[in-house]
PDB file of N, CA and C in Angstrom:
ATOM      1  N   UNK A   1      95.842 111.121  99.131  1.00  0.00           N
ATOM      2  CA  UNK A   1      95.857 110.093 100.148  1.00  0.00           C
ATOM      3  C   UNK A   1      95.084 110.607 101.348  1.00  0.00           C
ATOM      4  N   UNK A   2      94.263 109.795 101.871  1.00  0.00           N
ATOM      5  CA  UNK A   2      93.509 110.164 103.065  1.00  0.00           C
ATOM      6  C   UNK A   2      94.412 109.991 104.269  1.00  0.00           C
ATOM      7  N   UNK A   3      94.420 110.969 105.144  1.00  0.00           N
ATOM      8  CA  UNK A   3      95.266 110.880 106.313  1.00  0.00           C
ATOM      9  C   UNK A   3      94.453 110.829 107.587  1.00  0.00           C
ATOM     10  N   UNK A   4      93.241 110.293 107.487  1.00  0.00           N
ATOM     11  CA  UNK A   4      92.408 110.210 108.676  1.00  0.00           C
ATOM     12  C   UNK A   4      92.845 109.073 109.589  1.00  0.00           C
ATOM     13  N   UNK A   5      93.591 108.131 109.090  1.00  0.00           N
ATOM     14  CA  UNK A   5      94.046 107.018 109.914  1.00  0.00           C
ATOM     15  C   UNK A   5      95.502 107.210 110.326  1.00  0.00           C
ATOM     16  N   UNK A   6      96.341 107.620 109.398  1.00  0.00           N
ATOM     17  CA  UNK A   6      97.752 107.859 109.700  1.00  0.00           C
ATOM     18  C   UNK A   6      98.296 108.858 108.697  1.00  0.00           C
ATOM     19  N   UNK A   7      99.003 109.853 109.192  1.00  0.00           N
ATOM     20  CA  UNK A   7      99.592 110.841 108.301  1.00  0.00           C
ATOM     21  C   UNK A   7     100.822 110.249 107.624  1.00  0.00           C
ATOM     22  N   UNK A   8     100.997 110.590 106.344  1.00  0.00           N
ATOM     23  CA  UNK A   8     102.138 110.097 105.582  1.00  0.00           C
ATOM     24  C   UNK A   8     102.994 111.249 105.124  1.00  0.00           C
ATOM     25  N   UNK A   9     104.285 111.021 105.095  1.00  0.00           N
ATOM     26  CA  UNK A   9     105.186 112.016 104.541  1.00  0.00           C
ATOM     27  C   UNK A   9     104.977 112.074 103.040  1.00  0.00           C
ATOM     28  N   UNK A  10     105.176 113.244 102.487  1.00  0.00           N
ATOM     29  CA  UNK A  10     105.051 113.403 101.046  1.00  0.00           C
ATOM     30  C   UNK A  10     106.000 112.439 100.346  1.00  0.00           C
ATOM     31  N   UNK A  11     105.539 111.786  99.309  1.00  0.00           N
ATOM     32  CA  UNK A  11     106.381 110.871  98.553  1.00  0.00           C
ATOM     33  C   UNK A  11     106.252 109.419  98.962  1.00  0.00           C
ATOM     34  N   UNK A  12     105.627 109.153 100.089  1.00  0.00           N
ATOM     35  CA  UNK A  12     105.522 107.758 100.517  1.00  0.00           C
ATOM     36  C   UNK A  12     104.519 106.970  99.693  1.00  0.00           C
ATOM     37  N   UNK A  13     103.574 107.641  99.046  1.00  0.00           N
ATOM     38  CA  UNK A  13     102.603 106.922  98.223  1.00  0.00           C
ATOM     39  C   UNK A  13     103.310 106.173  97.095  1.00  0.00           C
ATOM     40  N   UNK A  14     104.308 106.793  96.489  1.00  0.00           N
ATOM     41  CA  UNK A  14     105.060 106.109  95.434  1.00  0.00           C
ATOM     42  C   UNK A  14     105.661 104.811  95.958  1.00  0.00           C
ATOM     43  N   UNK A  15     106.286 104.880  97.112  1.00  0.00           N
ATOM     44  CA  UNK A  15     106.887 103.704  97.721  1.00  0.00           C
ATOM     45  C   UNK A  15     105.838 102.627  97.980  1.00  0.00           C
ATOM     46  N   UNK A  16     104.690 103.022  98.517  1.00  0.00           N
ATOM     47  CA  UNK A  16     103.635 102.060  98.826  1.00  0.00           C
ATOM     48  C   UNK A  16     103.087 101.405  97.564  1.00  0.00           C
ATOM     49  N   UNK A  17     102.937 102.169  96.499  1.00  0.00           N
ATOM     50  CA  UNK A  17     102.463 101.612  95.233  1.00  0.00           C
ATOM     51  C   UNK A  17     103.479 100.626  94.675  1.00  0.00           C
ATOM     52  N   UNK A  18     104.741 101.035  94.637  1.00  0.00           N
ATOM     53  CA  UNK A  18     105.780 100.142  94.122  1.00  0.00           C
ATOM     54  C   UNK A  18     105.830  98.851  94.923  1.00  0.00           C
ATOM     55  N   UNK A  19     105.742  98.971  96.235  1.00  0.00           N
ATOM     56  CA  UNK A  19     105.786  97.788  97.098  1.00  0.00           C
ATOM     57  C   UNK A  19     104.589  96.875  96.844  1.00  0.00           C
ATOM     58  N   UNK A  20     103.422  97.463  96.644  1.00  0.00           N
ATOM     59  CA  UNK A  20     102.229  96.645  96.429  1.00  0.00           C
ATOM     60  C   UNK A  20     102.292  95.887  95.104  1.00  0.00           C
ATOM     61  N   UNK A  21     103.079  96.376  94.162  1.00  0.00           N
ATOM     62  CA  UNK A  21     103.214  95.727  92.855  1.00  0.00           C
ATOM     63  C   UNK A  21     104.411  94.784  92.783  1.00  0.00           C
ATOM     64  N   UNK A  22     105.100  94.621  93.878  1.00  0.00           N
ATOM     65  CA  UNK A  22     106.338  93.834  93.888  1.00  0.00           C
ATOM     66  C   UNK A  22     106.128  92.392  93.421  1.00  0.00           C
ATOM     67  N   UNK A  23     105.026  91.776  93.793  1.00  0.00           N
ATOM     68  CA  UNK A  23     104.841  90.353  93.513  1.00  0.00           C
ATOM     69  C   UNK A  23     103.941  90.033  92.338  1.00  0.00           C
ATOM     70  N   UNK A  24     103.052  90.964  91.971  1.00  0.00           N
ATOM     71  CA  UNK A  24     102.126  90.672  90.879  1.00  0.00           C
ATOM     72  C   UNK A  24     101.495  91.949  90.346  1.00  0.00           C
ATOM     73  N   UNK A  25     101.092  91.919  89.071  1.00  0.00           N
ATOM     74  CA  UNK A  25     100.367  93.067  88.515  1.00  0.00           C
ATOM     75  C   UNK A  25      99.009  93.218  89.202  1.00  0.00           C
ATOM     76  N   UNK A  26      98.552  94.451  89.318  1.00  0.00           N
ATOM     77  CA  UNK A  26      97.260  94.725  89.952  1.00  0.00           C
ATOM     78  C   UNK A  26      96.605  95.908  89.276  1.00  0.00           C
ATOM     79  N   UNK A  27      95.275  95.969  89.361  1.00  0.00           N
ATOM     80  CA  UNK A  27      94.559  97.147  88.895  1.00  0.00           C
ATOM     81  C   UNK A  27      94.504  98.155  90.047  1.00  0.00           C
ATOM     82  N   UNK A  28      94.108  99.375  89.733  1.00  0.00           N
ATOM     83  CA  UNK A  28      94.150 100.454  90.718  1.00  0.00           C
ATOM     84  C   UNK A  28      93.424 100.153  92.010  1.00  0.00           C
ATOM     85  N   UNK A  29      92.205  99.659  91.912  1.00  0.00           N
ATOM     86  CA  UNK A  29      91.440  99.349  93.118  1.00  0.00           C
ATOM     87  C   UNK A  29      92.143  98.271  93.940  1.00  0.00           C
ATOM     88  N   UNK A  30      92.732  97.294  93.255  1.00  0.00           N
ATOM     89  CA  UNK A  30      93.477  96.240  93.946  1.00  0.00           C
ATOM     90  C   UNK A  30      94.694  96.789  94.681  1.00  0.00           C
ATOM     91  N   UNK A  31      95.354  97.778  94.073  1.00  0.00           N
ATOM     92  CA  UNK A  31      96.511  98.413  94.717  1.00  0.00           C
ATOM     93  C   UNK A  31      96.060  99.105  96.003  1.00  0.00           C
ATOM     94  N   UNK A  32      94.960  99.844  95.924  1.00  0.00           N
ATOM     95  CA  UNK A  32      94.440 100.532  97.112  1.00  0.00           C
ATOM     96  C   UNK A  32      94.085  99.533  98.206  1.00  0.00           C
ATOM     97  N   UNK A  33      93.452  98.427  97.830  1.00  0.00           N
ATOM     98  CA  UNK A  33      93.113  97.386  98.814  1.00  0.00           C
ATOM     99  C   UNK A  33      94.369  96.776  99.416  1.00  0.00           C
ATOM    100  N   UNK A  34      95.359  96.519  98.577  1.00  0.00           N
ATOM    101  CA  UNK A  34      96.607  95.899  99.046  1.00  0.00           C
ATOM    102  C   UNK A  34      97.325  96.799 100.046  1.00  0.00           C
ATOM    103  N   UNK A  35      97.373  98.086  99.770  1.00  0.00           N
ATOM    104  CA  UNK A  35      98.014  99.021 100.697  1.00  0.00           C
ATOM    105  C   UNK A  35      97.276  98.998 102.032  1.00  0.00           C
ATOM    106  N   UNK A  36      95.955  98.967 101.983  1.00  0.00           N
ATOM    107  CA  UNK A  36      95.174  98.848 103.211  1.00  0.00           C
ATOM    108  C   UNK A  36      95.508  97.571 103.966  1.00  0.00           C
ATOM    109  N   UNK A  37      95.580  96.454 103.250  1.00  0.00           N
ATOM    110  CA  UNK A  37      95.906  95.175 103.891  1.00  0.00           C
ATOM    111  C   UNK A  37      97.301  95.192 104.499  1.00  0.00           C
ATOM    112  N   UNK A  38      98.282  95.690 103.727  1.00  0.00           N
ATOM    113  CA  UNK A  38      99.667  95.697 104.203  1.00  0.00           C
ATOM    114  C   UNK A  38      99.831  96.590 105.426  1.00  0.00           C
ATOM    115  N   UNK A  39      98.997  97.618 105.541  1.00  0.00           N
ATOM    116  CA  UNK A  39      99.104  98.551 106.674  1.00  0.00           C
ATOM    117  C   UNK A  39      98.159  98.183 107.814  1.00  0.00           C
ATOM    118  N   UNK A  40      97.578  96.996 107.743  1.00  0.00           N
ATOM    119  CA  UNK A  40      96.595  96.555 108.747  1.00  0.00           C
ATOM    120  C   UNK A  40      95.458  97.566 108.850  1.00  0.00           C
ATOM    121  N   UNK A  41      95.055  98.070 107.685  1.00  0.00           N
ATOM    122  CA  UNK A  41      93.938  99.012 107.527  1.00  0.00           C
ATOM    123  C   UNK A  41      94.182 100.377 108.186  1.00  0.00           C
ATOM    124  N   UNK A  42      95.441 100.707 108.455  1.00  0.00           N
ATOM    125  CA  UNK A  42      95.738 102.020 109.034  1.00  0.00           C
ATOM    126  C   UNK A  42      95.901 103.089 107.956  1.00  0.00           C
ATOM    127  N   UNK A  43      96.106 102.676 106.707  1.00  0.00           N
ATOM    128  CA  UNK A  43      96.247 103.624 105.601  1.00  0.00           C
ATOM    129  C   UNK A  43      95.140 103.394 104.585  1.00  0.00           C
ATOM    130  N   UNK A  44      94.606 104.492 104.065  1.00  0.00           N
ATOM    131  CA  UNK A  44      93.591 104.440 103.027  1.00  0.00           C
ATOM    132  C   UNK A  44      94.058 105.319 101.878  1.00  0.00           C
ATOM    133  N   UNK A  45      94.010 104.789 100.675  1.00  0.00           N
ATOM    134  CA  UNK A  45      94.392 105.570  99.497  1.00  0.00           C
ATOM    135  C   UNK A  45      93.136 105.879  98.701  1.00  0.00           C
ATOM    136  N   UNK A  46      92.877 107.149  98.524  1.00  0.00           N
ATOM    137  CA  UNK A  46      91.709 107.587  97.757  1.00  0.00           C
ATOM    138  C   UNK A  46      92.059 107.625  96.275  1.00  0.00           C
ATOM    139  N   UNK A  47      91.042 107.427  95.426  1.00  0.00           N
ATOM    140  CA  UNK A  47      91.247 107.441  93.980  1.00  0.00           C
ATOM    141  C   UNK A  47      91.867 108.745  93.506  1.00  0.00           C
ATOM    142  N   UNK A  48      91.492 109.854  94.140  1.00  0.00           N
ATOM    143  CA  UNK A  48      92.013 111.152  93.750  1.00  0.00           C
ATOM    144  C   UNK A  48      93.506 111.305  93.969  1.00  0.00           C
ATOM    145  N   UNK A  49      94.081 110.477  94.815  1.00  0.00           N
ATOM    146  CA  UNK A  49      95.532 110.459  95.034  1.00  0.00           C
ATOM    147  C   UNK A  49      96.183 109.327  94.265  1.00  0.00           C
ATOM    148  N   UNK A  50      95.501 108.183  94.207  1.00  0.00           N
ATOM    149  CA  UNK A  50      96.090 106.988  93.611  1.00  0.00           C
ATOM    150  C   UNK A  50      96.347 107.132  92.117  1.00  0.00           C
ATOM    151  N   UNK A  51      95.326 107.519  91.366  1.00  0.00           N
ATOM    152  CA  UNK A  51      95.474 107.514  89.910  1.00  0.00           C
ATOM    153  C   UNK A  51      96.478 108.547  89.395  1.00  0.00           C
ATOM    154  N   UNK A  52      96.525 109.754  89.940  1.00  0.00           N
ATOM    155  CA  UNK A  52      97.605 110.665  89.515  1.00  0.00           C
ATOM    156  C   UNK A  52      98.994 110.085  89.819  1.00  0.00           C
ATOM    157  N   UNK A  53      99.123 109.398  90.959  1.00  0.00           N
ATOM    158  CA  UNK A  53     100.414 108.782  91.296  1.00  0.00           C
ATOM    159  C   UNK A  53     100.740 107.667  90.307  1.00  0.00           C
ATOM    160  N   UNK A  54      99.754 106.855  89.945  1.00  0.00           N
ATOM    161  CA  UNK A  54      99.988 105.778  88.973  1.00  0.00           C
ATOM    162  C   UNK A  54     100.435 106.350  87.631  1.00  0.00           C
ATOM    163  N   UNK A  55      99.772 107.407  87.177  1.00  0.00           N
ATOM    164  CA  UNK A  55     100.160 108.027  85.904  1.00  0.00           C
ATOM    165  C   UNK A  55     101.574 108.592  85.988  1.00  0.00           C
ATOM    166  N   UNK A  56     101.908 109.210  87.111  1.00  0.00           N
ATOM    167  CA  UNK A  56     103.250 109.778  87.296  1.00  0.00           C
ATOM    168  C   UNK A  56     104.314 108.672  87.279  1.00  0.00           C
ATOM    169  N   UNK A  57     104.044 107.570  87.988  1.00  0.00           N
ATOM    170  CA  UNK A  57     104.997 106.452  88.025  1.00  0.00           C
ATOM    171  C   UNK A  57     105.159 105.824  86.648  1.00  0.00           C
ATOM    172  N   UNK A  58     104.068 105.787  85.899  1.00  0.00           N
ATOM    173  CA  UNK A  58     104.141 105.250  84.537  1.00  0.00           C
ATOM    174  C   UNK A  58     104.993 106.166  83.651  1.00  0.00           C
ATOM    175  N   UNK A  59     104.806 107.472  83.779  1.00  0.00           N
ATOM    176  CA  UNK A  59     105.605 108.438  83.011  1.00  0.00           C
ATOM    177  C   UNK A  59     107.089 108.325  83.343  1.00  0.00           C
ATOM    178  N   UNK A  60     107.390 108.011  84.614  1.00  0.00           N
ATOM    179  CA  UNK A  60     108.780 107.871  85.026  1.00  0.00           C
ATOM    180  C   UNK A  60     109.390 106.541  84.597  1.00  0.00           C
ATOM    181  N   UNK A  61     108.559 105.643  84.072  1.00  0.00           N
ATOM    182  CA  UNK A  61     109.056 104.355  83.611  1.00  0.00           C
ATOM    183  C   UNK A  61     109.211 103.327  84.712  1.00  0.00           C
ATOM    184  N   UNK A  62     108.642 103.591  85.888  1.00  0.00           N
ATOM    185  CA  UNK A  62     108.767 102.660  87.011  1.00  0.00           C
ATOM    186  C   UNK A  62     107.707 101.572  86.991  1.00  0.00           C
ATOM    187  N   UNK A  63     106.564 101.875  86.363  1.00  0.00           N
ATOM    188  CA  UNK A  63     105.513 100.879  86.191  1.00  0.00           C
ATOM    189  C   UNK A  63     105.028 100.944  84.752  1.00  0.00           C
ATOM    190  N   UNK A  64     104.373  99.868  84.318  1.00  0.00           N
ATOM    191  CA  UNK A  64     103.743  99.869  83.004  1.00  0.00           C
ATOM    192  C   UNK A  64     102.310  99.393  83.177  1.00  0.00           C
ATOM    193  N   UNK A  65     101.452  99.805  82.264  1.00  0.00           N
ATOM    194  CA  UNK A  65     100.035  99.456  82.350  1.00  0.00           C
ATOM    195  C   UNK A  65      99.622  98.669  81.111  1.00  0.00           C
ATOM    196  N   UNK A  66      98.793  97.656  81.336  1.00  0.00           N
ATOM    197  CA  UNK A  66      98.226  96.872  80.246  1.00  0.00           C
ATOM    198  C   UNK A  66      96.761  96.619  80.567  1.00  0.00           C
ATOM    199  N   UNK A  67      95.924  96.649  79.541  1.00  0.00           N
ATOM    200  CA  UNK A  67      94.507  96.375  79.742  1.00  0.00           C
ATOM    201  C   UNK A  67      94.300  94.883  79.940  1.00  0.00           C
ATOM    202  N   UNK A  68      93.401  94.551  80.849  1.00  0.00           N
ATOM    203  CA  UNK A  68      93.053  93.167  81.123  1.00  0.00           C
ATOM    204  C   UNK A  68      91.644  93.099  81.679  1.00  0.00           C
ATOM    205  N   UNK A  69      91.276  91.930  82.182  1.00  0.00           N
ATOM    206  CA  UNK A  69      89.943  91.721  82.742  1.00  0.00           C
ATOM    207  C   UNK A  69      90.091  91.434  84.230  1.00  0.00           C
ATOM    208  N   UNK A  70      89.353  92.175  85.037  1.00  0.00           N
ATOM    209  CA  UNK A  70      89.423  92.028  86.490  1.00  0.00           C
ATOM    210  C   UNK A  70      88.686  90.771  86.944  1.00  0.00           C
ATOM    211  N   UNK A  71      88.805  90.481  88.239  1.00  0.00           N
ATOM    212  CA  UNK A  71      88.171  89.288  88.801  1.00  0.00           C
ATOM    213  C   UNK A  71      86.648  89.327  88.704  1.00  0.00           C
ATOM    214  N   UNK A  72      86.065  90.522  88.575  1.00  0.00           N
ATOM    215  CA  UNK A  72      84.608  90.617  88.401  1.00  0.00           C
ATOM    216  C   UNK A  72      84.233  90.814  86.928  1.00  0.00           C
ATOM    217  N   UNK A  73      85.157  90.410  86.044  1.00  0.00           N
ATOM    218  CA  UNK A  73      84.931  90.356  84.600  1.00  0.00           C
ATOM    219  C   UNK A  73      84.741  91.734  83.958  1.00  0.00           C
ATOM    220  N   UNK A  74      85.414  92.735  84.501  1.00  0.00           N
ATOM    221  CA  UNK A  74      85.369  94.079  83.921  1.00  0.00           C
ATOM    222  C   UNK A  74      86.731  94.431  83.339  1.00  0.00           C
ATOM    223  N   UNK A  75      86.711  95.246  82.317  1.00  0.00           N
ATOM    224  CA  UNK A  75      87.951  95.726  81.708  1.00  0.00           C
ATOM    225  C   UNK A  75      88.648  96.654  82.692  1.00  0.00           C
ATOM    226  N   UNK A  76      89.938  96.439  82.905  1.00  0.00           N
ATOM    227  CA  UNK A  76      90.698  97.266  83.861  1.00  0.00           C
ATOM    228  C   UNK A  76      92.146  97.358  83.411  1.00  0.00           C
ATOM    229  N   UNK A  77      92.789  98.446  83.804  1.00  0.00           N
ATOM    230  CA  UNK A  77      94.214  98.606  83.563  1.00  0.00           C
ATOM    231  C   UNK A  77      94.964  97.910  84.686  1.00  0.00           C
ATOM    232  N   UNK A  78      95.875  97.032  84.329  1.00  0.00           N
ATOM    233  CA  UNK A  78      96.713  96.350  85.310  1.00  0.00           C
ATOM    234  C   UNK A  78      98.109  96.940  85.254  1.00  0.00           C
ATOM    235  N   UNK A  79      98.626  97.274  86.423  1.00  0.00           N
ATOM    236  CA  UNK A  79      99.934  97.903  86.535  1.00  0.00           C
ATOM    237  C   UNK A  79     100.944  96.881  87.034  1.00  0.00           C
ATOM    238  N   UNK A  80     102.159  96.956  86.510  1.00  0.00           N
ATOM    239  CA  UNK A  80     103.230  96.073  86.972  1.00  0.00           C
ATOM    240  C   UNK A  80     104.540  96.854  87.016  1.00  0.00           C
ATOM    241  N   UNK A  81     105.464  96.360  87.830  1.00  0.00           N
ATOM    242  CA  UNK A  81     106.771  97.002  87.950  1.00  0.00           C
ATOM    243  C   UNK A  81     107.615  96.730  86.715  1.00  0.00           C
ATOM    244  N   UNK A  82     108.372  97.719  86.303  1.00  0.00           N
ATOM    245  CA  UNK A  82     109.384  97.528  85.266  1.00  0.00           C
ATOM    246  C   UNK A  82     110.707  97.221  85.974  1.00  0.00           C
ATOM    247  N   UNK A  83     111.727  96.879  85.219  1.00  0.00           N
ATOM    248  CA  UNK A  83     113.053  96.645  85.812  1.00  0.00           C
ATOM    249  C   UNK A  83     113.536  97.905  86.524  1.00  0.00           C
ATOM    250  N   UNK A  84     113.297  99.064  85.918  1.00  0.00           N
ATOM    251  CA  UNK A  84     113.668 100.343  86.538  1.00  0.00           C
ATOM    252  C   UNK A  84     112.872 100.550  87.820  1.00  0.00           C
ATOM    253  N   UNK A  85     111.608 100.154  87.806  1.00  0.00           N
ATOM    254  CA  UNK A  85     110.761 100.276  88.987  1.00  0.00           C
ATOM    255  C   UNK A  85     111.247  99.403  90.133  1.00  0.00           C
ATOM    256  N   UNK A  86     111.737  98.216  89.815  1.00  0.00           N
ATOM    257  CA  UNK A  86     112.279  97.332  90.860  1.00  0.00           C
ATOM    258  C   UNK A  86     113.516  97.961  91.511  1.00  0.00           C
ATOM    259  N   UNK A  87     114.358  98.572  90.694  1.00  0.00           N
ATOM    260  CA  UNK A  87     115.543  99.268  91.226  1.00  0.00           C
ATOM    261  C   UNK A  87     115.117 100.454  92.082  1.00  0.00           C
ATOM    262  N   UNK A  88     114.107 101.179  91.619  1.00  0.00           N
ATOM    263  CA  UNK A  88     113.616 102.340  92.363  1.00  0.00           C
ATOM    264  C   UNK A  88     113.013 101.904  93.688  1.00  0.00           C
ATOM    265  N   UNK A  89     112.271 100.793  93.690  1.00  0.00           N
ATOM    266  CA  UNK A  89     111.693 100.271  94.928  1.00  0.00           C
ATOM    267  C   UNK A  89     112.799  99.981  95.936  1.00  0.00           C
ATOM    268  N   UNK A  90     113.863  99.355  95.480  1.00  0.00           N
ATOM    269  CA  UNK A  90     114.983  99.044  96.367  1.00  0.00           C
ATOM    270  C   UNK A  90     115.597 100.324  96.939  1.00  0.00           C
ATOM    271  N   UNK A  91     115.792 101.318  96.093  1.00  0.00           N
ATOM    272  CA  UNK A  91     116.358 102.597  96.539  1.00  0.00           C
ATOM    273  C   UNK A  91     115.418 103.295  97.520  1.00  0.00           C
ATOM    274  N   UNK A  92     114.117 103.273  97.228  1.00  0.00           N
ATOM    275  CA  UNK A  92     113.132 103.907  98.106  1.00  0.00           C
ATOM    276  C   UNK A  92     113.074 103.213  99.465  1.00  0.00           C
ATOM    277  N   UNK A  93     113.155 101.892  99.466  1.00  0.00           N
ATOM    278  CA  UNK A  93     113.130 101.140 100.728  1.00  0.00           C
ATOM    279  C   UNK A  93     114.359 101.478 101.583  1.00  0.00           C
ATOM    280  N   UNK A  94     115.524 101.587 100.945  1.00  0.00           N
ATOM    281  CA  UNK A  94     116.740 101.940 101.679  1.00  0.00           C
ATOM    282  C   UNK A  94     116.643 103.356 102.237  1.00  0.00           C
ATOM    283  N   UNK A  95     116.129 104.267 101.436  1.00  0.00           N
ATOM    284  CA  UNK A  95     115.978 105.651 101.872  1.00  0.00           C
ATOM    285  C   UNK A  95     115.002 105.735 103.041  1.00  0.00           C
ATOM    286  N   UNK A  96     113.886 105.011 102.946  1.00  0.00           N
ATOM    287  CA  UNK A  96     112.893 105.007 104.014  1.00  0.00           C
ATOM    288  C   UNK A  96     113.486 104.432 105.299  1.00  0.00           C
ATOM    289  N   UNK A  97     114.266 103.370 105.193  1.00  0.00           N
ATOM    290  CA  UNK A  97     114.876 102.753 106.372  1.00  0.00           C
ATOM    291  C   UNK A  97     115.797 103.749 107.080  1.00  0.00           C
ATOM    292  N   UNK A  98     116.580 104.490 106.319  1.00  0.00           N
ATOM    293  CA  UNK A  98     117.466 105.498 106.905  1.00  0.00           C
ATOM    294  C   UNK A  98     116.682 106.609 107.573  1.00  0.00           C
ATOM    295  N   UNK A  99     115.655 107.088 106.889  1.00  0.00           N
ATOM    296  CA  UNK A  99     114.837 108.164 107.433  1.00  0.00           C
ATOM    297  C   UNK A  99     114.129 107.728 108.712  1.00  0.00           C
ATOM    298  N   UNK A 100     113.533 106.546 108.703  1.00  0.00           N
ATOM    299  CA  UNK A 100     112.806 106.092 109.893  1.00  0.00           C
ATOM    300  C   UNK A 100     113.761 105.837 111.055  1.00  0.00           C
ATOM    301  N   UNK A 101     114.968 105.365 110.766  1.00  0.00           N
ATOM    302  CA  UNK A 101     115.968 105.180 111.811  1.00  0.00           C
ATOM    303  C   UNK A 101     116.339 106.528 112.435  1.00  0.00           C
ATOM    304  N   UNK A 102     116.566 107.526 111.586  1.00  0.00           N
ATOM    305  CA  UNK A 102     116.916 108.863 112.073  1.00  0.00           C
ATOM    306  C   UNK A 102     115.787 109.449 112.925  1.00  0.00           C
ATOM    307  N   UNK A 103     114.546 109.298 112.469  1.00  0.00           N
ATOM    308  CA  UNK A 103     113.410 109.807 113.231  1.00  0.00           C
ATOM    309  C   UNK A 103     113.292 109.088 114.566  1.00  0.00           C
ATOM    310  N   UNK A 104     113.487 107.776 114.567  1.00  0.00           N
ATOM    311  CA  UNK A 104     113.445 107.013 115.815  1.00  0.00           C
ATOM    312  C   UNK A 104     114.527 107.467 116.788  1.00  0.00           C
ATOM    313  N   UNK A 105     115.727 107.784 116.275  1.00  0.00           N
ATOM    314  CA  UNK A 105     116.790 108.299 117.136  1.00  0.00           C
ATOM    315  C   UNK A 105     116.353 109.600 117.792  1.00  0.00           C
ATOM    316  N   UNK A 106     115.788 110.498 116.990  1.00  0.00           N
ATOM    317  CA  UNK A 106     115.349 111.795 117.514  1.00  0.00           C
ATOM    318  C   UNK A 106     114.272 111.595 118.579  1.00  0.00           C
ATOM    319  N   UNK A 107     113.309 110.748 118.297  1.00  0.00           N
ATOM    320  CA  UNK A 107     112.202 110.529 119.224  1.00  0.00           C
ATOM    321  C   UNK A 107     112.659 109.866 120.524  1.00  0.00           C
ATOM    322  N   UNK A 108     113.622 108.989 120.437  1.00  0.00           N
ATOM    323  CA  UNK A 108     114.063 108.277 121.638  1.00  0.00           C
ATOM    324  C   UNK A 108     115.060 109.084 122.470  1.00  0.00           C
ATOM    325  N   UNK A 109     115.602 110.154 121.895  1.00  0.00           N
ATOM    326  CA  UNK A 109     116.581 110.972 122.616  1.00  0.00           C
ATOM    327  C   UNK A 109     116.062 112.379 122.884  1.00  0.00           C
ATOM    328  N   UNK A 110     114.765 112.581 122.674  1.00  0.00           N
ATOM    329  CA  UNK A 110     114.187 113.920 122.805  1.00  0.00           C
ATOM    330  C   UNK A 110     114.138 114.380 124.200  1.00  0.00           C
TER     331      UNK A 110
END
């Protein structure tokens, strides 16, 4: 993950990928674009970080991949959330909310 725009805590890429797949299957480049859009272009995901994360999430059973045709008529792997992935997304979102609340407490009382 490129951190030239905003630094990310380790492990947040998984959360961002799961969140980007919440509503529809997407190919890798689409996931990277979606994360950029959702972050108002403050986050950039490089291929060197994205694809290893996608393979790891697939191995964990949180996402599945199927071959399809992209909008520019090219063969591409489309990733989608599994039922386990939806549960993991919910758990990750709750964990992130707790962590960000704790960090905000520290920052506001420093």
